[in-house]
N, C-alpha and C. Protein backbone atom coordinates (compact mmCIF):
# COMPACT_ATOMS: atom_id res chain seq x y z
N MET A 1 -163.92 39.39 57.72
CA MET A 1 -164.07 40.77 58.09
C MET A 1 -164.28 41.62 56.86
N SER A 2 -165.16 42.53 57.01
CA SER A 2 -165.41 43.44 55.90
C SER A 2 -165.07 44.86 56.33
N THR A 3 -164.67 45.62 55.37
CA THR A 3 -164.35 47.03 55.64
C THR A 3 -165.29 47.91 54.85
N THR A 4 -165.61 49.01 55.43
CA THR A 4 -166.49 49.96 54.77
C THR A 4 -165.73 51.25 54.53
N THR A 5 -165.77 51.71 53.32
CA THR A 5 -165.07 52.94 52.96
C THR A 5 -166.10 53.96 52.50
N THR A 6 -166.02 55.14 53.04
CA THR A 6 -166.93 56.20 52.60
C THR A 6 -166.09 57.37 52.08
N THR A 7 -166.62 58.02 51.11
CA THR A 7 -165.95 59.17 50.53
C THR A 7 -166.81 60.39 50.74
N ASP A 8 -166.24 61.39 51.35
CA ASP A 8 -166.96 62.64 51.59
C ASP A 8 -166.47 63.66 50.57
N THR A 9 -167.33 64.03 49.68
CA THR A 9 -166.97 64.98 48.64
C THR A 9 -167.41 66.37 49.06
N THR A 10 -166.47 67.28 49.12
CA THR A 10 -166.78 68.66 49.46
C THR A 10 -166.54 69.52 48.24
N ARG A 11 -167.52 70.28 47.89
CA ARG A 11 -167.40 71.15 46.73
C ARG A 11 -167.34 72.59 47.22
N TYR A 12 -166.37 73.29 46.69
CA TYR A 12 -166.21 74.68 47.05
C TYR A 12 -166.62 75.54 45.86
N ALA A 13 -167.35 76.54 46.15
CA ALA A 13 -167.75 77.45 45.09
C ALA A 13 -166.75 78.59 45.00
N ALA A 14 -166.46 78.99 43.80
CA ALA A 14 -165.52 80.09 43.62
C ALA A 14 -166.09 81.38 44.19
N HIS A 15 -167.41 81.46 44.25
CA HIS A 15 -168.04 82.67 44.76
C HIS A 15 -167.69 82.90 46.24
N SER A 16 -167.60 81.82 47.02
CA SER A 16 -167.29 82.00 48.44
C SER A 16 -165.87 82.52 48.64
N TYR A 17 -164.95 82.14 47.77
CA TYR A 17 -163.60 82.68 47.87
C TYR A 17 -163.56 84.15 47.49
N LEU A 18 -164.29 84.49 46.44
CA LEU A 18 -164.28 85.88 45.98
C LEU A 18 -165.00 86.81 46.94
N ALA A 19 -165.92 86.29 47.74
CA ALA A 19 -166.64 87.13 48.69
C ALA A 19 -165.70 87.69 49.75
N ASP A 20 -164.62 87.00 50.03
CA ASP A 20 -163.66 87.51 51.01
C ASP A 20 -162.95 88.75 50.51
N TYR A 21 -162.88 88.92 49.21
CA TYR A 21 -162.12 90.04 48.64
C TYR A 21 -163.00 91.20 48.20
N GLU A 22 -164.29 91.13 48.46
CA GLU A 22 -165.17 92.21 48.06
C GLU A 22 -164.95 93.43 48.95
N LEU A 23 -165.12 94.59 48.39
CA LEU A 23 -164.96 95.84 49.13
C LEU A 23 -166.31 96.28 49.67
N HIS A 24 -166.33 96.66 50.91
CA HIS A 24 -167.54 97.16 51.54
C HIS A 24 -167.24 98.55 52.07
N HIS A 25 -167.88 99.54 51.52
CA HIS A 25 -167.68 100.92 51.95
C HIS A 25 -168.74 101.26 52.98
N SER A 26 -168.30 101.71 54.14
CA SER A 26 -169.26 102.00 55.20
C SER A 26 -169.66 103.47 55.23
N ASN A 27 -168.83 104.36 54.71
CA ASN A 27 -169.13 105.78 54.78
C ASN A 27 -169.16 106.34 53.37
N HIS A 28 -170.31 106.79 52.94
CA HIS A 28 -170.43 107.39 51.62
C HIS A 28 -170.58 108.90 51.79
N PRO A 29 -169.61 109.68 51.35
CA PRO A 29 -169.77 111.13 51.48
C PRO A 29 -170.87 111.62 50.55
N SER A 30 -171.65 112.55 51.05
CA SER A 30 -172.77 113.04 50.25
C SER A 30 -172.29 113.91 49.10
N ALA A 31 -171.30 114.71 49.35
CA ALA A 31 -170.77 115.58 48.29
C ALA A 31 -169.26 115.62 48.41
N SER A 32 -168.59 115.53 47.31
CA SER A 32 -167.13 115.58 47.35
C SER A 32 -166.66 116.99 47.03
N ASP A 33 -165.50 117.33 47.53
CA ASP A 33 -164.92 118.65 47.28
C ASP A 33 -164.36 118.65 45.86
N SER A 34 -164.90 119.50 45.01
CA SER A 34 -164.47 119.52 43.62
C SER A 34 -163.17 120.30 43.42
N ARG A 35 -162.74 121.03 44.43
CA ARG A 35 -161.52 121.82 44.31
C ARG A 35 -160.31 120.92 44.58
N PRO A 36 -159.37 120.80 43.65
CA PRO A 36 -158.21 119.94 43.88
C PRO A 36 -157.26 120.56 44.90
N ASN A 37 -156.55 119.70 45.58
CA ASN A 37 -155.58 120.16 46.57
C ASN A 37 -154.31 120.57 45.84
N SER A 38 -153.92 121.81 45.97
CA SER A 38 -152.74 122.29 45.25
C SER A 38 -151.50 122.11 46.11
N HIS A 39 -150.74 121.11 45.83
CA HIS A 39 -149.46 120.82 46.47
C HIS A 39 -149.53 120.92 48.00
N PRO A 40 -150.00 119.89 48.67
CA PRO A 40 -150.08 119.96 50.12
C PRO A 40 -148.71 120.05 50.79
N ASP A 41 -147.66 119.54 50.14
CA ASP A 41 -146.33 119.60 50.74
C ASP A 41 -145.75 121.01 50.71
N ALA A 42 -146.24 121.86 49.85
CA ALA A 42 -145.71 123.22 49.76
C ALA A 42 -146.00 124.00 51.04
N GLN A 43 -147.08 123.67 51.71
CA GLN A 43 -147.41 124.37 52.95
C GLN A 43 -146.52 123.90 54.09
N LEU A 44 -146.02 122.66 54.01
CA LEU A 44 -145.19 122.11 55.08
C LEU A 44 -143.71 122.40 54.88
N ALA A 45 -143.33 122.89 53.71
CA ALA A 45 -141.92 123.13 53.44
C ALA A 45 -141.39 124.24 54.34
N GLN A 46 -140.20 124.00 54.88
CA GLN A 46 -139.58 124.98 55.76
C GLN A 46 -138.19 125.28 55.24
N ARG A 47 -137.71 126.42 55.59
CA ARG A 47 -136.35 126.80 55.21
C ARG A 47 -135.38 126.27 56.26
N ASN A 48 -134.16 126.00 55.81
CA ASN A 48 -133.14 125.56 56.74
C ASN A 48 -132.74 126.73 57.64
N PRO A 49 -132.30 126.44 58.86
CA PRO A 49 -131.86 127.53 59.73
C PRO A 49 -130.61 128.21 59.16
N PRO A 50 -130.33 129.45 59.57
CA PRO A 50 -129.19 130.17 58.99
C PRO A 50 -127.85 129.49 59.25
N GLN A 51 -127.69 128.79 60.37
CA GLN A 51 -126.40 128.16 60.68
C GLN A 51 -126.23 126.81 59.98
N TRP A 52 -127.21 126.40 59.20
CA TRP A 52 -127.16 125.12 58.50
C TRP A 52 -126.08 125.17 57.42
N PRO A 53 -125.16 124.19 57.37
CA PRO A 53 -124.10 124.24 56.35
C PRO A 53 -124.67 124.02 54.96
N SER A 54 -124.27 124.84 54.04
CA SER A 54 -124.77 124.72 52.67
C SER A 54 -123.64 124.75 51.65
N ASN A 55 -122.41 124.60 52.10
CA ASN A 55 -121.29 124.65 51.16
C ASN A 55 -121.04 123.31 50.49
N TYR A 56 -121.76 122.27 50.89
CA TYR A 56 -121.62 120.98 50.21
C TYR A 56 -122.96 120.27 50.23
N ARG A 57 -123.21 119.52 49.18
CA ARG A 57 -124.44 118.74 49.07
C ARG A 57 -124.10 117.35 48.52
N ARG A 58 -123.11 116.70 49.10
CA ARG A 58 -122.65 115.38 48.69
C ARG A 58 -122.10 115.38 47.27
N ILE A 59 -121.72 116.55 46.78
CA ILE A 59 -121.12 116.66 45.47
C ILE A 59 -119.69 117.14 45.67
N PRO A 60 -118.71 116.40 45.19
CA PRO A 60 -117.33 116.85 45.39
C PRO A 60 -117.06 118.10 44.56
N PRO A 61 -116.12 118.90 44.99
CA PRO A 61 -115.79 120.09 44.21
C PRO A 61 -115.23 119.70 42.85
N TYR A 62 -115.42 120.56 41.91
CA TYR A 62 -114.97 120.30 40.54
C TYR A 62 -113.45 120.25 40.50
N ARG A 63 -112.93 119.23 39.84
CA ARG A 63 -111.49 119.14 39.60
C ARG A 63 -111.28 118.89 38.12
N PRO A 64 -110.49 119.72 37.48
CA PRO A 64 -110.22 119.46 36.06
C PRO A 64 -109.37 118.20 35.90
N ILE A 65 -109.38 117.64 34.71
CA ILE A 65 -108.63 116.42 34.43
C ILE A 65 -107.14 116.71 34.53
N ASN A 66 -106.43 115.86 35.27
CA ASN A 66 -104.99 116.00 35.40
C ASN A 66 -104.35 115.16 34.29
N ARG A 67 -103.95 115.83 33.24
CA ARG A 67 -103.37 115.12 32.10
C ARG A 67 -101.90 114.76 32.32
N ASP A 68 -101.29 115.26 33.37
CA ASP A 68 -99.90 114.96 33.69
C ASP A 68 -99.80 114.02 34.89
N LEU A 69 -100.78 113.18 35.09
CA LEU A 69 -100.81 112.30 36.24
C LEU A 69 -99.74 111.21 36.11
N ASP A 70 -98.99 111.02 37.16
CA ASP A 70 -97.96 109.99 37.19
C ASP A 70 -98.56 108.73 37.81
N GLN A 71 -98.79 107.70 37.00
CA GLN A 71 -99.43 106.48 37.48
C GLN A 71 -98.58 105.72 38.48
N SER A 72 -97.28 105.96 38.51
CA SER A 72 -96.42 105.25 39.45
C SER A 72 -96.65 105.73 40.88
N GLN A 73 -97.29 106.86 41.07
CA GLN A 73 -97.55 107.36 42.42
C GLN A 73 -98.80 106.75 43.03
N ARG A 74 -99.58 106.05 42.25
CA ARG A 74 -100.81 105.44 42.77
C ARG A 74 -100.50 104.04 43.29
N ARG A 75 -101.08 103.71 44.44
CA ARG A 75 -100.94 102.36 44.99
C ARG A 75 -102.03 101.49 44.41
N VAL A 76 -101.65 100.55 43.59
CA VAL A 76 -102.63 99.68 42.96
C VAL A 76 -102.80 98.42 43.79
N TYR A 77 -101.73 97.74 44.09
CA TYR A 77 -101.78 96.51 44.88
C TYR A 77 -100.97 96.73 46.15
N THR A 78 -101.50 96.27 47.26
CA THR A 78 -100.75 96.42 48.51
C THR A 78 -99.97 95.15 48.85
N THR A 79 -100.48 93.99 48.43
CA THR A 79 -99.78 92.73 48.72
C THR A 79 -99.82 91.84 47.49
N THR A 80 -99.02 90.80 47.52
CA THR A 80 -99.02 89.83 46.43
C THR A 80 -100.33 89.06 46.40
N GLY A 81 -100.89 88.78 47.57
CA GLY A 81 -102.17 88.08 47.62
C GLY A 81 -103.28 88.88 46.97
N GLU A 82 -103.27 90.20 47.18
CA GLU A 82 -104.27 91.05 46.56
C GLU A 82 -104.10 91.06 45.05
N ARG A 83 -102.86 91.08 44.59
CA ARG A 83 -102.60 91.06 43.15
C ARG A 83 -103.12 89.75 42.53
N ILE A 84 -102.88 88.62 43.19
CA ILE A 84 -103.35 87.33 42.68
C ILE A 84 -104.87 87.27 42.70
N PHE A 85 -105.48 87.75 43.79
CA PHE A 85 -106.94 87.74 43.90
C PHE A 85 -107.58 88.56 42.78
N LEU A 86 -107.10 89.76 42.55
CA LEU A 86 -107.66 90.61 41.50
C LEU A 86 -107.43 90.02 40.11
N PHE A 87 -106.27 89.41 39.91
CA PHE A 87 -106.00 88.79 38.62
C PHE A 87 -106.99 87.66 38.34
N VAL A 88 -107.23 86.81 39.34
CA VAL A 88 -108.16 85.70 39.16
C VAL A 88 -109.59 86.21 38.99
N MET A 89 -109.96 87.25 39.72
CA MET A 89 -111.32 87.79 39.61
C MET A 89 -111.56 88.39 38.23
N PHE A 90 -110.59 89.15 37.73
CA PHE A 90 -110.79 89.82 36.44
C PHE A 90 -110.60 88.89 35.25
N THR A 91 -109.87 87.81 35.44
CA THR A 91 -109.64 86.90 34.32
C THR A 91 -110.27 85.53 34.57
N GLY A 92 -111.26 85.47 35.44
CA GLY A 92 -111.87 84.19 35.80
C GLY A 92 -112.53 83.49 34.64
N VAL A 93 -113.20 84.23 33.78
CA VAL A 93 -113.87 83.61 32.64
C VAL A 93 -112.84 83.02 31.68
N GLN A 94 -111.76 83.75 31.46
CA GLN A 94 -110.71 83.25 30.58
C GLN A 94 -110.05 82.01 31.17
N VAL A 95 -109.84 82.01 32.48
CA VAL A 95 -109.24 80.85 33.13
C VAL A 95 -110.16 79.63 32.99
N ASN A 96 -111.47 79.83 33.19
CA ASN A 96 -112.42 78.71 33.02
C ASN A 96 -112.41 78.19 31.59
N ALA A 97 -112.36 79.08 30.62
CA ALA A 97 -112.33 78.65 29.22
C ALA A 97 -111.05 77.88 28.91
N ASP A 98 -109.92 78.34 29.44
CA ASP A 98 -108.65 77.65 29.20
C ASP A 98 -108.65 76.26 29.84
N ILE A 99 -109.16 76.15 31.06
CA ILE A 99 -109.21 74.85 31.72
C ILE A 99 -110.15 73.91 30.97
N ASN A 100 -111.25 74.43 30.45
CA ASN A 100 -112.19 73.61 29.68
C ASN A 100 -111.52 73.10 28.41
N ARG A 101 -110.80 73.97 27.71
CA ARG A 101 -110.10 73.53 26.50
C ARG A 101 -109.04 72.48 26.82
N LEU A 102 -108.31 72.68 27.91
CA LEU A 102 -107.28 71.73 28.31
C LEU A 102 -107.90 70.37 28.65
N TRP A 103 -109.01 70.38 29.38
CA TRP A 103 -109.66 69.13 29.75
C TRP A 103 -110.20 68.41 28.52
N ASN A 104 -110.82 69.15 27.62
CA ASN A 104 -111.37 68.51 26.41
C ASN A 104 -110.27 67.97 25.51
N ALA A 105 -109.08 68.55 25.56
CA ALA A 105 -107.97 68.07 24.73
C ALA A 105 -107.27 66.87 25.35
N THR A 106 -107.37 66.70 26.67
CA THR A 106 -106.64 65.60 27.33
C THR A 106 -107.60 64.58 27.92
N GLY A 107 -108.01 64.76 29.14
CA GLY A 107 -108.84 63.76 29.85
C GLY A 107 -110.26 63.70 29.36
N GLY A 108 -110.76 64.73 28.75
CA GLY A 108 -112.14 64.74 28.28
C GLY A 108 -112.39 63.76 27.17
N ARG A 109 -111.35 63.40 26.44
CA ARG A 109 -111.51 62.43 25.36
C ARG A 109 -111.75 61.03 25.91
N LEU A 110 -111.16 60.75 27.07
CA LEU A 110 -111.28 59.42 27.66
C LEU A 110 -112.54 59.28 28.52
N ALA A 111 -112.80 60.27 29.33
CA ALA A 111 -113.96 60.23 30.23
C ALA A 111 -114.83 61.45 29.95
N GLN A 112 -115.83 61.26 29.11
CA GLN A 112 -116.62 62.41 28.67
C GLN A 112 -117.68 62.83 29.69
N SER A 113 -117.99 61.99 30.66
CA SER A 113 -119.05 62.33 31.61
C SER A 113 -118.53 62.73 32.98
N VAL A 114 -117.23 63.01 33.11
CA VAL A 114 -116.68 63.33 34.43
C VAL A 114 -117.17 64.69 34.92
N PHE A 115 -117.05 65.71 34.12
CA PHE A 115 -117.46 67.05 34.53
C PHE A 115 -118.75 67.48 33.83
N GLN A 116 -119.60 66.53 33.51
CA GLN A 116 -120.88 66.83 32.87
C GLN A 116 -121.98 66.69 33.91
N TYR A 117 -122.79 67.71 34.05
CA TYR A 117 -123.89 67.70 35.00
C TYR A 117 -125.18 68.00 34.26
N LYS A 118 -126.24 67.30 34.64
CA LYS A 118 -127.54 67.54 34.00
C LYS A 118 -128.12 68.83 34.55
N ILE A 119 -128.65 69.61 33.64
CA ILE A 119 -129.25 70.88 34.02
C ILE A 119 -130.66 70.95 33.46
N GLY A 120 -131.38 71.99 33.82
CA GLY A 120 -132.67 72.34 33.26
C GLY A 120 -133.55 71.19 32.83
N GLY A 121 -133.79 71.02 31.55
CA GLY A 121 -134.71 70.02 31.03
C GLY A 121 -134.04 68.73 30.61
N GLU A 122 -132.84 68.44 31.10
CA GLU A 122 -132.11 67.24 30.67
C GLU A 122 -132.39 66.02 31.53
N TRP A 123 -133.27 66.10 32.50
CA TRP A 123 -133.51 64.96 33.39
C TRP A 123 -134.32 63.94 32.71
C-alpha cells in the first residue's frame, strides 16, 4: 500500500490584513466652519434650585487640632482576636523574616531544599 501526501501552502499578504483597517470617509463636507465652538457646556449649565442644600459639599467642617486628646478614650481594639489579627497584619514581614532566620539556623542546615521553590528563570 502506498500513501500520498499533499501539502497545500497558503500565503497571506499583509496588505489584505491592513485593508480591513483602512478608513473610508463617505461624506466630505465642502466647507468647514472656521469659527471655533466656545465652551458648548456653558450653554447647558444650570443653576441649582433655591431649595437645594448648599451647606455641605462632602467636606467636613473645620476642626482645630485637639492637643489635649486623651488616647484612653478611643476604642482601638474591640476583641482579642482583632488585636491578634492587626498585630500579625502590621508585623507580617517581620514575622516572615524571623521564621526564615529560625529555619536557616536549625532545619535549613540539614534540608536546604525543603522550602525552596523555583521561580522566574530558574527552570
